Amino acid sequence: MPQANDHASSVGRTLLFQSGITYEVVTLNCTCEWSGSAIIKRQAGASSTLINMASGARITGKMTIDGNSANCTGSASNIVMNGVSDCLLNDFSSINACGHNIEINNSVYSDNRLPNKIKNGVVNGAAIGHAISLYNAANEVMEELELINCGDGINASGSTRSIRPLLISKVNARKNKGNGIATNFISTADTPAYDMAKLSDCFARENGLNGFAIQSHYTSLSNCHAYKNGTTKDHQGFLFNADCITFSSLIAFQNKGVGVDFGDCRKCTGSGILAESNEWHNLELNSCEDMAISGIVLNDGFKGQPDGPLQAALIIHKGNGGLSFPGRQ
């Protein structure tokens, strides 16, 4: 198979895989376009990355990438894009990862760089990793995806703060052990690794922690839904720890903690919050400044909880109520 890939790459052709065939391999380098409804599966006992993608590489045509986590060791990922651009995963499945299903790392952001794109796919199952892991990635596109049964659905982290645009659209992150979609601080410091993420038409459902955990400045969200996320009151439908967030049409329904929680935020604005039947406050603003929010509907908070102090649909305060987080006081 490596020889076939190298030949197709050298002559600028697509490498076609036979439909219905399972190819068991240790590790492969994808340097051209691969297409066909075959299965590429990690050999039992293997512990290396299954597929490394070069710039411009493509995987299309209903291909399935199977990490065979039940019969393999280590924490290697199914598909890795490291320091590359213009890669495409389209009309695909990635399943049973040992580590992450898909990694995008160390994007070199420049004026003429084309983004990596992950589109029209199902990502299901990771032993210890995330469905999609981004580390120091920038200008990447993720759209029309089902992200199921992993650590986080999307986890964006990094080692330094930078302007790193992300476009996340029509993603359904459900039944993951961690967060549905998370753009994270650097380690535990109050410093975002990402600025300028854009999320639209996304769902986070029945995840073990927060539906959306947004810790990236200058982020926008539109028409996003968080439903039945969390296992304790410290897990929110939407958790925001960032400045200059804009939003429209957020729905938070039956989450274990707060429906929509702004913690240590500055200069955020938006219209359209419907928070209903969450098991803690429907809307919380904790240590926030310069907020402008309109079009709020809050109903049936503290669903199933006994009566107690400070039970309100909306709570605005400065201090340690609710979720603790590092930040300005």
C-alpha atoms as a PDB file:
ATOM      1  CA  MET A   1       0.000   0.000   0.000  1.00  0.00           C
ATOM      2  CA  PRO A   2       2.790   2.553   0.673  1.00  0.00           C
ATOM      3  CA  GLN A   3       4.075   1.949  -2.862  1.00  0.00           C
ATOM      4  CA  ALA A   4       0.597   2.511  -4.326  1.00  0.00           C
ATOM      5  CA  ASN A   5       0.247   5.767  -2.369  1.00  0.00           C
ATOM      6  CA  ASP A   6       3.670   6.959  -3.516  1.00  0.00           C
ATOM      7  CA  HIS A   7       2.895   6.180  -7.158  1.00  0.00           C
ATOM      8  CA  ALA A   8      -0.515   7.904  -7.073  1.00  0.00           C
ATOM      9  CA  SER A   9       1.068  10.918  -5.418  1.00  0.00           C
ATOM     10  CA  SER A  10       3.883  11.111  -7.986  1.00  0.00           C
ATOM     11  CA  VAL A  11       1.480  11.107 -10.958  1.00  0.00           C
ATOM     12  CA  GLY A  12      -1.209  13.255  -9.314  1.00  0.00           C
ATOM     13  CA  ARG A  13      -3.906  10.588  -9.241  1.00  0.00           C
ATOM     14  CA  THR A  14      -6.442   9.334  -6.668  1.00  0.00           C
ATOM     15  CA  LEU A  15      -5.705   6.054  -4.909  1.00  0.00           C
ATOM     16  CA  LEU A  16      -8.908   3.995  -5.048  1.00  0.00           C
ATOM     17  CA  PHE A  17      -9.626   1.411  -2.367  1.00  0.00           C
ATOM     18  CA  GLN A  18     -11.842  -1.560  -3.113  1.00  0.00           C
ATOM     19  CA  SER A  19     -15.297  -1.217  -1.584  1.00  0.00           C
ATOM     20  CA  GLY A  20     -16.024  -3.538   1.336  1.00  0.00           C
ATOM     21  CA  ILE A  21     -12.411  -4.629   1.856  1.00  0.00           C
ATOM     22  CA  THR A  22     -10.625  -4.281   5.216  1.00  0.00           C
ATOM     23  CA  TYR A  23      -6.946  -3.338   4.973  1.00  0.00           C
ATOM     24  CA  GLU A  24      -5.101  -4.140   8.220  1.00  0.00           C
ATOM     25  CA  VAL A  25      -1.970  -2.018   8.617  1.00  0.00           C
ATOM     26  CA  VAL A  26       0.442  -0.702  11.246  1.00  0.00           C
ATOM     27  CA  THR A  27       0.859   2.885  10.021  1.00  0.00           C
ATOM     28  CA  LEU A  28       0.443   4.725   6.710  1.00  0.00           C
ATOM     29  CA  ASN A  29       1.383   8.107   5.252  1.00  0.00           C
ATOM     30  CA  CYS A  30      -1.335   9.698   3.121  1.00  0.00           C
ATOM     31  CA  THR A  31       0.195  12.058   0.546  1.00  0.00           C
ATOM     32  CA  CYS A  32      -2.502  12.079  -2.170  1.00  0.00           C
ATOM     33  CA  GLU A  33      -6.269  11.517  -2.318  1.00  0.00           C
ATOM     34  CA  TRP A  34      -7.647   8.228  -0.996  1.00  0.00           C
ATOM     35  CA  SER A  35     -11.197   7.287  -1.880  1.00  0.00           C
ATOM     36  CA  GLY A  36     -13.540   4.325  -1.562  1.00  0.00           C
ATOM     37  CA  SER A  37     -15.796   2.702   1.026  1.00  0.00           C
ATOM     38  CA  ALA A  38     -13.084   0.441   2.403  1.00  0.00           C
ATOM     39  CA  ILE A  39     -11.920   0.026   6.011  1.00  0.00           C
ATOM     40  CA  ILE A  40      -8.363   0.867   7.060  1.00  0.00           C
ATOM     41  CA  LYS A  41      -7.811  -0.866  10.373  1.00  0.00           C
ATOM     42  CA  ARG A  42      -4.900  -0.844  12.806  1.00  0.00           C
ATOM     43  CA  GLN A  43      -3.317  -4.279  13.131  1.00  0.00           C
ATOM     44  CA  ALA A  44      -3.853  -5.989  16.474  1.00  0.00           C
ATOM     45  CA  GLY A  45      -1.065  -5.133  18.888  1.00  0.00           C
ATOM     46  CA  ALA A  46       0.118  -2.052  16.969  1.00  0.00           C
ATOM     47  CA  SER A  47       0.756   1.142  18.932  1.00  0.00           C
ATOM     48  CA  SER A  48       1.673   3.774  16.326  1.00  0.00           C
ATOM     49  CA  THR A  49      -0.402   6.463  14.616  1.00  0.00           C
ATOM     50  CA  LEU A  50      -2.628   4.814  12.047  1.00  0.00           C
ATOM     51  CA  ILE A  51      -2.535   7.548   9.337  1.00  0.00           C
ATOM     52  CA  ASN A  52      -0.258  10.576   9.043  1.00  0.00           C
ATOM     53  CA  MET A  53      -1.513  13.137   6.519  1.00  0.00           C
ATOM     54  CA  ALA A  54       0.701  15.385   4.423  1.00  0.00           C
ATOM     55  CA  SER A  55      -0.317  18.833   3.187  1.00  0.00           C
ATOM     56  CA  GLY A  56      -2.951  18.559   0.463  1.00  0.00           C
ATOM     57  CA  ALA A  57      -3.856  14.957   1.299  1.00  0.00           C
ATOM     58  CA  ARG A  58      -7.482  13.806   1.040  1.00  0.00           C
ATOM     59  CA  ILE A  59      -9.575  10.976   2.504  1.00  0.00           C
ATOM     60  CA  THR A  60     -13.018  10.773   0.887  1.00  0.00           C
ATOM     61  CA  GLY A  61     -15.661   8.415  -0.440  1.00  0.00           C
ATOM     62  CA  LYS A  62     -17.155   6.848   2.699  1.00  0.00           C
ATOM     63  CA  MET A  63     -13.859   5.443   3.955  1.00  0.00           C
ATOM     64  CA  THR A  64     -13.738   4.095   7.521  1.00  0.00           C
ATOM     65  CA  ILE A  65     -10.643   4.471   9.703  1.00  0.00           C
ATOM     66  CA  ASP A  66     -10.733   1.884  12.524  1.00  0.00           C
ATOM     67  CA  GLY A  67      -8.265   2.228  15.398  1.00  0.00           C
ATOM     68  CA  ASN A  68      -9.057  -1.264  16.749  1.00  0.00           C
ATOM     69  CA  SER A  69      -8.716  -0.016  20.326  1.00  0.00           C
ATOM     70  CA  ALA A  70      -9.933  -3.305  21.806  1.00  0.00           C
ATOM     71  CA  ASN A  71      -6.891  -5.142  20.415  1.00  0.00           C
ATOM     72  CA  CYS A  72      -4.166  -2.480  20.467  1.00  0.00           C
ATOM     73  CA  THR A  73      -1.995  -0.786  23.056  1.00  0.00           C
ATOM     74  CA  GLY A  74      -0.846   2.764  23.754  1.00  0.00           C
ATOM     75  CA  SER A  75      -2.514   6.089  23.053  1.00  0.00           C
ATOM     76  CA  ALA A  76      -1.860   6.616  19.350  1.00  0.00           C
ATOM     77  CA  SER A  77      -4.442   8.470  17.294  1.00  0.00           C
ATOM     78  CA  ASN A  78      -6.245   7.349  14.169  1.00  0.00           C
ATOM     79  CA  ILE A  79      -5.487  10.367  11.941  1.00  0.00           C
ATOM     80  CA  VAL A  80      -2.839  13.046  12.542  1.00  0.00           C
ATOM     81  CA  MET A  81      -2.289  16.341  10.696  1.00  0.00           C
ATOM     82  CA  ASN A  82       0.864  17.881  12.153  1.00  0.00           C
ATOM     83  CA  GLY A  83       2.152  21.178  10.797  1.00  0.00           C
ATOM     84  CA  VAL A  84       0.271  20.721   7.521  1.00  0.00           C
ATOM     85  CA  SER A  85      -2.364  22.597   5.516  1.00  0.00           C
ATOM     86  CA  ASP A  86      -5.113  21.988   2.960  1.00  0.00           C
ATOM     87  CA  CYS A  87      -5.923  18.464   4.174  1.00  0.00           C
ATOM     88  CA  LEU A  88      -9.463  17.183   3.749  1.00  0.00           C
ATOM     89  CA  LEU A  89     -11.506  14.507   5.501  1.00  0.00           C
ATOM     90  CA  ASN A  90     -14.872  14.354   3.761  1.00  0.00           C
ATOM     91  CA  ASP A  91     -17.630  11.731   3.814  1.00  0.00           C
ATOM     92  CA  PHE A  92     -15.774   9.437   6.212  1.00  0.00           C
ATOM     93  CA  SER A  93     -15.895   7.590   9.549  1.00  0.00           C
ATOM     94  CA  SER A  94     -13.245   7.357  12.252  1.00  0.00           C
ATOM     95  CA  ILE A  95     -13.919   4.821  14.997  1.00  0.00           C
ATOM     96  CA  ASN A  96     -12.388   2.946  17.936  1.00  0.00           C
ATOM     97  CA  ALA A  97      -9.367   5.177  18.512  1.00  0.00           C
ATOM     98  CA  CYS A  98      -6.783   4.318  21.149  1.00  0.00           C
ATOM     99  CA  GLY A  99      -5.946   7.995  21.643  1.00  0.00           C
ATOM    100  CA  HIS A 100      -7.651  10.761  19.695  1.00  0.00           C
ATOM    101  CA  ASN A 101      -9.616   9.955  16.595  1.00  0.00           C
ATOM    102  CA  ILE A 102      -8.333  13.045  14.763  1.00  0.00           C
ATOM    103  CA  GLU A 103      -5.494  15.404  15.707  1.00  0.00           C
ATOM    104  CA  ILE A 104      -4.597  18.747  14.139  1.00  0.00           C
ATOM    105  CA  ASN A 105      -1.397  20.120  15.658  1.00  0.00           C
ATOM    106  CA  ASN A 106       1.002  23.023  15.138  1.00  0.00           C
ATOM    107  CA  SER A 107      -0.613  24.808  12.230  1.00  0.00           C
ATOM    108  CA  VAL A 108       1.703  27.392  10.671  1.00  0.00           C
ATOM    109  CA  TYR A 109      -0.587  30.373  10.134  1.00  0.00           C
ATOM    110  CA  SER A 110       0.275  32.560   7.143  1.00  0.00           C
ATOM    111  CA  ASP A 111      -1.442  34.792   4.593  1.00  0.00           C
ATOM    112  CA  ASN A 112      -1.519  32.118   1.889  1.00  0.00           C
ATOM    113  CA  ARG A 113      -2.220  29.041   4.045  1.00  0.00           C
ATOM    114  CA  LEU A 114      -5.312  26.961   3.243  1.00  0.00           C
ATOM    115  CA  PRO A 115      -7.176  25.449   6.210  1.00  0.00           C
ATOM    116  CA  ASN A 116      -7.478  21.787   7.015  1.00  0.00           C
ATOM    117  CA  LYS A 117     -11.112  20.677   6.737  1.00  0.00           C
ATOM    118  CA  ILE A 118     -13.033  17.911   8.509  1.00  0.00           C
ATOM    119  CA  LYS A 119     -16.499  17.555   6.985  1.00  0.00           C
ATOM    120  CA  ASN A 120     -19.468  15.232   6.648  1.00  0.00           C
ATOM    121  CA  GLY A 121     -18.250  12.540   8.992  1.00  0.00           C
ATOM    122  CA  VAL A 122     -19.010  10.325  11.967  1.00  0.00           C
ATOM    123  CA  VAL A 123     -16.407  10.032  14.720  1.00  0.00           C
ATOM    124  CA  ASN A 124     -17.320   7.360  17.256  1.00  0.00           C
ATOM    125  CA  GLY A 125     -15.349   5.896  20.141  1.00  0.00           C
ATOM    126  CA  ALA A 126     -12.007   6.688  21.778  1.00  0.00           C
ATOM    127  CA  ALA A 127     -10.397   4.740  24.592  1.00  0.00           C
ATOM    128  CA  ILE A 128      -8.725   7.761  26.203  1.00  0.00           C
ATOM    129  CA  GLY A 129      -8.731  10.598  23.676  1.00  0.00           C
ATOM    130  CA  HIS A 130     -11.079  13.091  22.031  1.00  0.00           C
ATOM    131  CA  ALA A 131     -13.058  12.889  18.838  1.00  0.00           C
ATOM    132  CA  ILE A 132     -11.120  15.893  17.471  1.00  0.00           C
ATOM    133  CA  SER A 133      -8.087  17.297  19.287  1.00  0.00           C
ATOM    134  CA  LEU A 134      -6.647  20.658  18.237  1.00  0.00           C
ATOM    135  CA  TYR A 135      -3.298  21.749  19.690  1.00  0.00           C
ATOM    136  CA  ASN A 136      -1.789  25.027  18.505  1.00  0.00           C
ATOM    137  CA  ALA A 137      -4.010  24.714  15.444  1.00  0.00           C
ATOM    138  CA  ALA A 138      -5.214  27.708  13.461  1.00  0.00           C
ATOM    139  CA  ASN A 139      -7.649  28.552  10.702  1.00  0.00           C
ATOM    140  CA  GLU A 140      -9.276  25.101  10.644  1.00  0.00           C
ATOM    141  CA  VAL A 141     -12.779  24.109   9.508  1.00  0.00           C
ATOM    142  CA  MET A 142     -15.070  21.486  11.077  1.00  0.00           C
ATOM    143  CA  GLU A 143     -18.602  21.077   9.795  1.00  0.00           C
ATOM    144  CA  GLU A 144     -21.473  18.595   9.548  1.00  0.00           C
ATOM    145  CA  LEU A 145     -20.027  16.095  12.026  1.00  0.00           C
ATOM    146  CA  GLU A 146     -21.362  13.547  14.523  1.00  0.00           C
ATOM    147  CA  LEU A 147     -18.936  13.245  17.475  1.00  0.00           C
ATOM    148  CA  ILE A 148     -19.892  10.404  19.796  1.00  0.00           C
ATOM    149  CA  ASN A 149     -18.516   8.375  22.735  1.00  0.00           C
ATOM    150  CA  CYS A 150     -15.100  10.033  23.054  1.00  0.00           C
ATOM    151  CA  GLY A 151     -13.381  12.180  25.698  1.00  0.00           C
ATOM    152  CA  ASP A 152     -14.441  15.622  24.447  1.00  0.00           C
ATOM    153  CA  GLY A 153     -16.186  16.025  21.135  1.00  0.00           C
ATOM    154  CA  ILE A 154     -13.879  18.897  20.121  1.00  0.00           C
ATOM    155  CA  ASN A 155     -11.019  19.929  22.405  1.00  0.00           C
ATOM    156  CA  ALA A 156      -8.978  22.980  21.374  1.00  0.00           C
ATOM    157  CA  SER A 157      -5.885  23.671  23.481  1.00  0.00           C
ATOM    158  CA  GLY A 158      -2.388  25.070  23.043  1.00  0.00           C
ATOM    159  CA  SER A 159       0.835  26.250  24.623  1.00  0.00           C
ATOM    160  CA  THR A 160       0.740  29.950  23.711  1.00  0.00           C
ATOM    161  CA  ARG A 161      -1.915  32.561  23.097  1.00  0.00           C
ATOM    162  CA  SER A 162      -2.462  33.464  19.469  1.00  0.00           C
ATOM    163  CA  ILE A 163      -5.104  34.565  16.989  1.00  0.00           C
ATOM    164  CA  ARG A 164      -6.274  31.133  15.886  1.00  0.00           C
ATOM    165  CA  PRO A 165      -9.567  31.263  13.993  1.00  0.00           C
ATOM    166  CA  LEU A 166     -11.707  28.130  14.087  1.00  0.00           C
ATOM    167  CA  LEU A 167     -14.904  27.570  12.118  1.00  0.00           C
ATOM    168  CA  ILE A 168     -17.200  25.000  13.754  1.00  0.00           C
ATOM    169  CA  SER A 169     -20.570  24.501  12.099  1.00  0.00           C
ATOM    170  CA  LYS A 170     -23.353  21.909  12.256  1.00  0.00           C
ATOM    171  CA  VAL A 171     -21.529  19.717  14.761  1.00  0.00           C
ATOM    172  CA  ASN A 172     -23.509  17.321  16.934  1.00  0.00           C
ATOM    173  CA  ALA A 173     -21.380  16.344  19.960  1.00  0.00           C
ATOM    174  CA  ARG A 174     -23.191  13.751  22.054  1.00  0.00           C
ATOM    175  CA  LYS A 175     -22.624  11.132  24.716  1.00  0.00           C
ATOM    176  CA  ASN A 176     -18.964  12.059  25.168  1.00  0.00           C
ATOM    177  CA  LYS A 177     -17.326  11.465  28.556  1.00  0.00           C
ATOM    178  CA  GLY A 178     -16.126  15.066  28.815  1.00  0.00           C
ATOM    179  CA  ASN A 179     -17.287  18.277  27.136  1.00  0.00           C
ATOM    180  CA  GLY A 180     -19.218  18.492  23.932  1.00  0.00           C
ATOM    181  CA  ILE A 181     -17.126  21.365  22.497  1.00  0.00           C
ATOM    182  CA  ALA A 182     -14.295  23.053  24.439  1.00  0.00           C
ATOM    183  CA  THR A 183     -11.907  25.888  23.567  1.00  0.00           C
ATOM    184  CA  ASN A 184      -9.565  25.884  26.522  1.00  0.00           C
ATOM    185  CA  PHE A 185      -7.306  28.056  28.620  1.00  0.00           C
ATOM    186  CA  ILE A 186      -3.597  27.244  28.510  1.00  0.00           C
ATOM    187  CA  SER A 187      -3.189  24.703  31.303  1.00  0.00           C
ATOM    188  CA  THR A 188      -4.903  26.196  34.386  1.00  0.00           C
ATOM    189  CA  ALA A 189      -3.801  29.786  33.675  1.00  0.00           C
ATOM    190  CA  ASP A 190      -6.319  32.468  32.827  1.00  0.00           C
ATOM    191  CA  THR A 191      -4.930  32.745  29.295  1.00  0.00           C
ATOM    192  CA  PRO A 192      -6.795  31.565  26.206  1.00  0.00           C
ATOM    193  CA  ALA A 193      -4.970  29.541  23.561  1.00  0.00           C
ATOM    194  CA  TYR A 194      -7.519  30.550  20.932  1.00  0.00           C
ATOM    195  CA  ASP A 195      -9.077  33.798  19.790  1.00  0.00           C
ATOM    196  CA  MET A 196     -11.746  34.271  17.135  1.00  0.00           C
ATOM    197  CA  ALA A 197     -13.572  30.930  17.128  1.00  0.00           C
ATOM    198  CA  LYS A 198     -16.938  30.872  15.364  1.00  0.00           C
ATOM    199  CA  LEU A 199     -19.602  28.287  16.243  1.00  0.00           C
ATOM    200  CA  SER A 200     -22.952  27.984  14.496  1.00  0.00           C
ATOM    201  CA  ASP A 201     -25.811  25.487  14.406  1.00  0.00           C
ATOM    202  CA  CYS A 202     -24.139  23.136  16.892  1.00  0.00           C
ATOM    203  CA  PHE A 203     -25.671  20.693  19.360  1.00  0.00           C
ATOM    204  CA  ALA A 204     -24.150  19.358  22.598  1.00  0.00           C
ATOM    205  CA  ARG A 205     -26.246  16.562  24.077  1.00  0.00           C
ATOM    206  CA  GLU A 206     -25.822  14.154  26.982  1.00  0.00           C
ATOM    207  CA  ASN A 207     -22.119  14.803  27.494  1.00  0.00           C
ATOM    208  CA  GLY A 208     -20.523  13.985  30.845  1.00  0.00           C
ATOM    209  CA  LEU A 209     -19.261  17.510  31.616  1.00  0.00           C
ATOM    210  CA  ASN A 210     -20.242  20.815  29.961  1.00  0.00           C
ATOM    211  CA  GLY A 211     -22.095  21.049  26.702  1.00  0.00           C
ATOM    212  CA  PHE A 212     -20.013  24.036  25.527  1.00  0.00           C
ATOM    213  CA  ALA A 213     -16.928  25.214  27.475  1.00  0.00           C
ATOM    214  CA  ILE A 214     -15.771  28.408  25.762  1.00  0.00           C
ATOM    215  CA  GLN A 215     -12.567  30.001  27.066  1.00  0.00           C
ATOM    216  CA  SER A 216     -11.540  31.784  23.853  1.00  0.00           C
ATOM    217  CA  HIS A 217     -11.775  35.550  23.400  1.00  0.00           C
ATOM    218  CA  TYR A 218     -13.630  37.160  20.465  1.00  0.00           C
ATOM    219  CA  THR A 219     -15.730  34.053  19.938  1.00  0.00           C
ATOM    220  CA  SER A 220     -19.195  34.049  18.391  1.00  0.00           C
ATOM    221  CA  LEU A 221     -21.977  31.489  18.792  1.00  0.00           C
ATOM    222  CA  SER A 222     -25.257  31.346  16.907  1.00  0.00           C
ATOM    223  CA  ASN A 223     -28.137  28.903  17.041  1.00  0.00           C
ATOM    224  CA  CYS A 224     -26.471  26.436  19.432  1.00  0.00           C
ATOM    225  CA  HIS A 225     -28.293  24.016  21.730  1.00  0.00           C
ATOM    226  CA  ALA A 226     -27.134  22.341  24.961  1.00  0.00           C
ATOM    227  CA  TYR A 227     -29.324  19.497  26.229  1.00  0.00           C
ATOM    228  CA  LYS A 228     -28.970  17.107  29.195  1.00  0.00           C
ATOM    229  CA  ASN A 229     -25.249  17.695  29.752  1.00  0.00           C
ATOM    230  CA  GLY A 230     -23.340  17.026  32.963  1.00  0.00           C
ATOM    231  CA  THR A 231     -23.425  14.742  35.972  1.00  0.00           C
ATOM    232  CA  THR A 232     -23.278  17.354  38.791  1.00  0.00           C
ATOM    233  CA  LYS A 233     -24.355  20.968  39.328  1.00  0.00           C
ATOM    234  CA  ASP A 234     -20.815  22.095  38.370  1.00  0.00           C
ATOM    235  CA  HIS A 235     -21.440  21.041  34.773  1.00  0.00           C
ATOM    236  CA  GLN A 236     -23.192  23.610  32.627  1.00  0.00           C
ATOM    237  CA  GLY A 237     -25.021  23.721  29.343  1.00  0.00           C
ATOM    238  CA  PHE A 238     -22.941  26.723  28.244  1.00  0.00           C
ATOM    239  CA  LEU A 239     -19.874  27.756  30.267  1.00  0.00           C
ATOM    240  CA  PHE A 240     -18.168  30.987  29.197  1.00  0.00           C
ATOM    241  CA  ASN A 241     -14.852  32.189  30.673  1.00  0.00           C
ATOM    242  CA  ALA A 242     -13.689  34.755  28.098  1.00  0.00           C
ATOM    243  CA  ASP A 243     -13.923  38.334  26.892  1.00  0.00           C
ATOM    244  CA  CYS A 244     -15.750  39.771  23.891  1.00  0.00           C
ATOM    245  CA  ILE A 245     -18.110  36.868  23.251  1.00  0.00           C
ATOM    246  CA  THR A 246     -21.075  37.552  20.990  1.00  0.00           C
ATOM    247  CA  PHE A 247     -24.042  35.235  20.683  1.00  0.00           C
ATOM    248  CA  SER A 248     -27.541  34.762  19.319  1.00  0.00           C
ATOM    249  CA  SER A 249     -30.176  32.074  19.844  1.00  0.00           C
ATOM    250  CA  LEU A 250     -28.787  29.851  22.597  1.00  0.00           C
ATOM    251  CA  ILE A 251     -31.010  27.117  24.047  1.00  0.00           C
ATOM    252  CA  ALA A 252     -30.083  25.332  27.289  1.00  0.00           C
ATOM    253  CA  PHE A 253     -32.467  22.597  28.395  1.00  0.00           C
ATOM    254  CA  GLN A 254     -32.314  20.027  31.223  1.00  0.00           C
ATOM    255  CA  ASN A 255     -28.600  20.391  32.017  1.00  0.00           C
ATOM    256  CA  LYS A 256     -27.369  19.224  35.435  1.00  0.00           C
ATOM    257  CA  GLY A 257     -25.885  22.584  36.393  1.00  0.00           C
ATOM    258  CA  VAL A 258     -26.448  26.124  35.167  1.00  0.00           C
ATOM    259  CA  GLY A 259     -28.067  26.498  31.783  1.00  0.00           C
ATOM    260  CA  VAL A 260     -25.885  29.441  30.668  1.00  0.00           C
ATOM    261  CA  ASP A 261     -22.975  30.465  32.925  1.00  0.00           C
ATOM    262  CA  PHE A 262     -20.813  33.546  32.281  1.00  0.00           C
ATOM    263  CA  GLY A 263     -17.824  33.450  34.633  1.00  0.00           C
ATOM    264  CA  ASP A 264     -15.189  36.206  34.739  1.00  0.00           C
ATOM    265  CA  CYS A 265     -16.266  37.602  31.358  1.00  0.00           C
ATOM    266  CA  ARG A 266     -15.851  41.100  29.940  1.00  0.00           C
ATOM    267  CA  LYS A 267     -17.537  42.977  27.091  1.00  0.00           C
ATOM    268  CA  CYS A 268     -19.898  40.219  25.999  1.00  0.00           C
ATOM    269  CA  THR A 269     -23.101  40.882  24.119  1.00  0.00           C
ATOM    270  CA  GLY A 270     -25.927  38.956  22.563  1.00  0.00           C
ATOM    271  CA  SER A 271     -29.617  38.363  22.137  1.00  0.00           C
ATOM    272  CA  GLY A 272     -31.712  35.276  22.567  1.00  0.00           C
ATOM    273  CA  ILE A 273     -31.260  32.943  25.530  1.00  0.00           C
ATOM    274  CA  LEU A 274     -33.856  30.288  26.297  1.00  0.00           C
ATOM    275  CA  ALA A 275     -32.923  28.351  29.432  1.00  0.00           C
ATOM    276  CA  GLU A 276     -35.480  25.926  30.794  1.00  0.00           C
ATOM    277  CA  SER A 277     -35.646  23.032  33.243  1.00  0.00           C
ATOM    278  CA  ASN A 278     -31.965  23.113  34.165  1.00  0.00           C
ATOM    279  CA  GLU A 279     -31.136  21.647  37.574  1.00  0.00           C
ATOM    280  CA  TRP A 280     -29.413  24.810  38.873  1.00  0.00           C
ATOM    281  CA  HIS A 281     -29.683  28.502  37.901  1.00  0.00           C
ATOM    282  CA  ASN A 282     -30.903  29.011  34.390  1.00  0.00           C
ATOM    283  CA  LEU A 283     -28.565  32.008  33.883  1.00  0.00           C
ATOM    284  CA  GLU A 284     -25.570  33.050  36.005  1.00  0.00           C
ATOM    285  CA  LEU A 285     -23.196  36.016  35.718  1.00  0.00           C
ATOM    286  CA  ASN A 286     -20.244  35.593  38.083  1.00  0.00           C
ATOM    287  CA  SER A 287     -17.602  38.358  38.339  1.00  0.00           C
ATOM    288  CA  CYS A 288     -18.514  39.831  34.950  1.00  0.00           C
ATOM    289  CA  GLU A 289     -18.335  43.406  33.636  1.00  0.00           C
ATOM    290  CA  ASP A 290     -19.679  45.356  30.648  1.00  0.00           C
ATOM    291  CA  MET A 291     -22.304  42.804  29.641  1.00  0.00           C
ATOM    292  CA  ALA A 292     -25.231  43.556  27.317  1.00  0.00           C
ATOM    293  CA  ILE A 293     -27.767  40.736  27.017  1.00  0.00           C
ATOM    294  CA  SER A 294     -31.338  40.868  25.742  1.00  0.00           C
ATOM    295  CA  GLY A 295     -34.146  38.562  24.728  1.00  0.00           C
ATOM    296  CA  ILE A 296     -33.947  36.255  27.760  1.00  0.00           C
ATOM    297  CA  VAL A 297     -36.504  33.569  28.645  1.00  0.00           C
ATOM    298  CA  LEU A 298     -35.855  31.625  31.869  1.00  0.00           C
ATOM    299  CA  ASN A 299     -38.234  28.974  33.136  1.00  0.00           C
ATOM    300  CA  ASP A 300     -38.403  26.133  35.648  1.00  0.00           C
ATOM    301  CA  GLY A 301     -34.890  26.382  37.101  1.00  0.00           C
ATOM    302  CA  PHE A 302     -33.672  24.074  39.873  1.00  0.00           C
ATOM    303  CA  LYS A 303     -35.653  21.294  38.246  1.00  0.00           C
ATOM    304  CA  GLY A 304     -36.091  18.499  40.759  1.00  0.00           C
ATOM    305  CA  GLN A 305     -34.101  20.267  43.508  1.00  0.00           C
ATOM    306  CA  PRO A 306     -35.439  20.902  47.027  1.00  0.00           C
ATOM    307  CA  ASP A 307     -36.128  24.486  48.029  1.00  0.00           C
ATOM    308  CA  GLY A 308     -33.063  26.362  49.265  1.00  0.00           C
ATOM    309  CA  PRO A 309     -31.358  29.776  49.501  1.00  0.00           C
ATOM    310  CA  LEU A 310     -30.321  31.775  46.442  1.00  0.00           C
ATOM    311  CA  GLN A 311     -32.582  29.847  44.152  1.00  0.00           C
ATOM    312  CA  ALA A 312     -33.311  32.151  41.247  1.00  0.00           C
ATOM    313  CA  ALA A 313     -33.710  31.928  37.509  1.00  0.00           C
ATOM    314  CA  LEU A 314     -30.990  34.611  37.157  1.00  0.00           C
ATOM    315  CA  ILE A 315     -28.142  35.227  39.605  1.00  0.00           C
ATOM    316  CA  ILE A 316     -25.577  38.029  39.267  1.00  0.00           C
ATOM    317  CA  HIS A 317     -22.747  38.048  41.781  1.00  0.00           C
ATOM    318  CA  LYS A 318     -19.043  38.284  42.457  1.00  0.00           C
ATOM    319  CA  GLY A 319     -17.445  35.444  44.304  1.00  0.00           C
ATOM    320  CA  ASN A 320     -17.377  31.694  44.618  1.00  0.00           C
ATOM    321  CA  GLY A 321     -21.001  30.766  44.006  1.00  0.00           C
ATOM    322  CA  GLY A 322     -21.366  27.950  41.513  1.00  0.00           C
ATOM    323  CA  LEU A 323     -18.368  26.776  39.493  1.00  0.00           C
ATOM    324  CA  SER A 324     -14.929  27.847  40.717  1.00  0.00           C
ATOM    325  CA  PHE A 325     -12.406  29.021  38.129  1.00  0.00           C
ATOM    326  CA  PRO A 326      -9.119  30.917  38.033  1.00  0.00           C
ATOM    327  CA  GLY A 327      -9.584  34.516  37.015  1.00  0.00           C
ATOM    328  CA  ARG A 328      -9.724  38.151  37.944  1.00  0.00           C
ATOM    329  CA  GLN A 329     -11.559  39.003  41.140  1.00  0.00           C
END
